[in-house]
């Protein structure tokens, strides 16, 4: 009698553990995987549709100069 009650309690706790913790986590993980894969596909499509940009060309030096001074690096021993 007590053994049967113990098994019923064990099965009930296992049932609650599976349906309140394991299955919701599995559903969430599955949903996150599909969302991430969709985002990756969108990112790939976006990068394919972008026109290639020209390489950065340094601006031409202007006639005005700044008062910044360059200080040489000296190694201290």
C-alpha atoms as a PDB file:
ATOM      1  CA  UNK A   1       0.000   0.000   0.000  1.00  0.00           C
ATOM      2  CA  UNK A   2       2.710   2.503   0.992  1.00  0.00           C
ATOM      3  CA  UNK A   3       4.842   1.383  -1.923  1.00  0.00           C
ATOM      4  CA  UNK A   4       1.966   2.046  -4.347  1.00  0.00           C
ATOM      5  CA  UNK A   5       1.464   5.489  -2.839  1.00  0.00           C
ATOM      6  CA  UNK A   6       5.183   6.203  -3.214  1.00  0.00           C
ATOM      7  CA  UNK A   7       5.115   5.201  -6.909  1.00  0.00           C
ATOM      8  CA  UNK A   8       2.039   7.333  -7.554  1.00  0.00           C
ATOM      9  CA  UNK A   9       3.765  10.308  -5.933  1.00  0.00           C
ATOM     10  CA  UNK A  10       6.965   9.678  -7.922  1.00  0.00           C
ATOM     11  CA  UNK A  11       5.034   9.446 -11.203  1.00  0.00           C
ATOM     12  CA  UNK A  12       3.108  12.621 -10.361  1.00  0.00           C
ATOM     13  CA  UNK A  13       6.312  14.564  -9.591  1.00  0.00           C
ATOM     14  CA  UNK A  14       7.968  13.267 -12.759  1.00  0.00           C
ATOM     15  CA  UNK A  15       4.894  14.278 -14.771  1.00  0.00           C
ATOM     16  CA  UNK A  16       4.968  17.825 -13.315  1.00  0.00           C
ATOM     17  CA  UNK A  17       8.722  18.117 -13.873  1.00  0.00           C
ATOM     18  CA  UNK A  18       8.427  17.108 -17.521  1.00  0.00           C
ATOM     19  CA  UNK A  19       5.370  19.180 -18.429  1.00  0.00           C
ATOM     20  CA  UNK A  20       6.217  22.307 -16.419  1.00  0.00           C
ATOM     21  CA  UNK A  21       9.958  22.503 -16.969  1.00  0.00           C
ATOM     22  CA  UNK A  22      11.372  20.274 -19.701  1.00  0.00           C
ATOM     23  CA  UNK A  23       8.778  20.808 -22.436  1.00  0.00           C
ATOM     24  CA  UNK A  24       8.561  24.633 -22.062  1.00  0.00           C
ATOM     25  CA  UNK A  25      12.365  24.887 -22.179  1.00  0.00           C
ATOM     26  CA  UNK A  26      12.489  22.657 -25.271  1.00  0.00           C
ATOM     27  CA  UNK A  27       9.835  24.799 -26.983  1.00  0.00           C
ATOM     28  CA  UNK A  28      11.700  27.992 -26.122  1.00  0.00           C
ATOM     29  CA  UNK A  29      15.003  26.640 -27.424  1.00  0.00           C
ATOM     30  CA  UNK A  30      13.346  25.517 -30.650  1.00  0.00           C
ATOM     31  CA  UNK A  31      11.696  28.908 -31.136  1.00  0.00           C
ATOM     32  CA  UNK A  32      14.972  30.726 -30.476  1.00  0.00           C
ATOM     33  CA  UNK A  33      16.807  28.553 -33.022  1.00  0.00           C
ATOM     34  CA  UNK A  34      14.256  29.332 -35.720  1.00  0.00           C
ATOM     35  CA  UNK A  35      14.342  33.040 -34.863  1.00  0.00           C
ATOM     36  CA  UNK A  36      18.147  33.125 -35.031  1.00  0.00           C
ATOM     37  CA  UNK A  37      18.198  31.279 -38.356  1.00  0.00           C
ATOM     38  CA  UNK A  38      15.635  33.736 -39.778  1.00  0.00           C
ATOM     39  CA  UNK A  39      17.732  36.671 -38.572  1.00  0.00           C
ATOM     40  CA  UNK A  40      20.845  35.159 -40.183  1.00  0.00           C
ATOM     41  CA  UNK A  41      19.000  34.709 -43.481  1.00  0.00           C
ATOM     42  CA  UNK A  42      17.791  38.315 -43.371  1.00  0.00           C
ATOM     43  CA  UNK A  43      21.319  39.519 -42.655  1.00  0.00           C
ATOM     44  CA  UNK A  44      22.701  37.528 -45.579  1.00  0.00           C
ATOM     45  CA  UNK A  45      20.019  38.895 -47.908  1.00  0.00           C
ATOM     46  CA  UNK A  46      20.726  42.412 -46.702  1.00  0.00           C
ATOM     47  CA  UNK A  47      24.458  42.105 -47.332  1.00  0.00           C
ATOM     48  CA  UNK A  48      23.827  40.658 -50.806  1.00  0.00           C
ATOM     49  CA  UNK A  49      21.591  43.572 -51.789  1.00  0.00           C
ATOM     50  CA  UNK A  50      24.026  46.231 -50.607  1.00  0.00           C
ATOM     51  CA  UNK A  51      26.041  47.872 -53.357  1.00  0.00           C
ATOM     52  CA  UNK A  52      29.768  47.486 -52.873  1.00  0.00           C
ATOM     53  CA  UNK A  53      31.190  50.620 -51.361  1.00  0.00           C
ATOM     54  CA  UNK A  54      34.240  52.307 -52.728  1.00  0.00           C
ATOM     55  CA  UNK A  55      37.360  51.965 -50.613  1.00  0.00           C
ATOM     56  CA  UNK A  56      38.042  54.824 -48.271  1.00  0.00           C
ATOM     57  CA  UNK A  57      40.172  57.421 -49.966  1.00  0.00           C
ATOM     58  CA  UNK A  58      42.033  59.686 -47.606  1.00  0.00           C
ATOM     59  CA  UNK A  59      40.926  63.304 -47.950  1.00  0.00           C
ATOM     60  CA  UNK A  60      43.217  65.650 -49.757  1.00  0.00           C
ATOM     61  CA  UNK A  61      45.409  67.653 -47.456  1.00  0.00           C
ATOM     62  CA  UNK A  62      44.072  71.099 -46.903  1.00  0.00           C
ATOM     63  CA  UNK A  63      46.145  74.239 -46.885  1.00  0.00           C
ATOM     64  CA  UNK A  64      45.306  74.969 -43.288  1.00  0.00           C
ATOM     65  CA  UNK A  65      47.464  73.268 -40.706  1.00  0.00           C
ATOM     66  CA  UNK A  66      46.693  72.418 -37.141  1.00  0.00           C
ATOM     67  CA  UNK A  67      48.845  73.223 -34.153  1.00  0.00           C
ATOM     68  CA  UNK A  68      49.184  69.586 -33.106  1.00  0.00           C
ATOM     69  CA  UNK A  69      52.737  68.606 -32.312  1.00  0.00           C
ATOM     70  CA  UNK A  70      54.200  65.187 -32.791  1.00  0.00           C
ATOM     71  CA  UNK A  71      56.218  63.862 -29.877  1.00  0.00           C
ATOM     72  CA  UNK A  72      58.761  61.192 -30.696  1.00  0.00           C
ATOM     73  CA  UNK A  73      58.642  57.989 -28.719  1.00  0.00           C
ATOM     74  CA  UNK A  74      61.755  57.314 -26.698  1.00  0.00           C
ATOM     75  CA  UNK A  75      62.324  54.036 -24.973  1.00  0.00           C
ATOM     76  CA  UNK A  76      63.175  54.370 -21.292  1.00  0.00           C
ATOM     77  CA  UNK A  77      65.565  51.777 -19.921  1.00  0.00           C
END
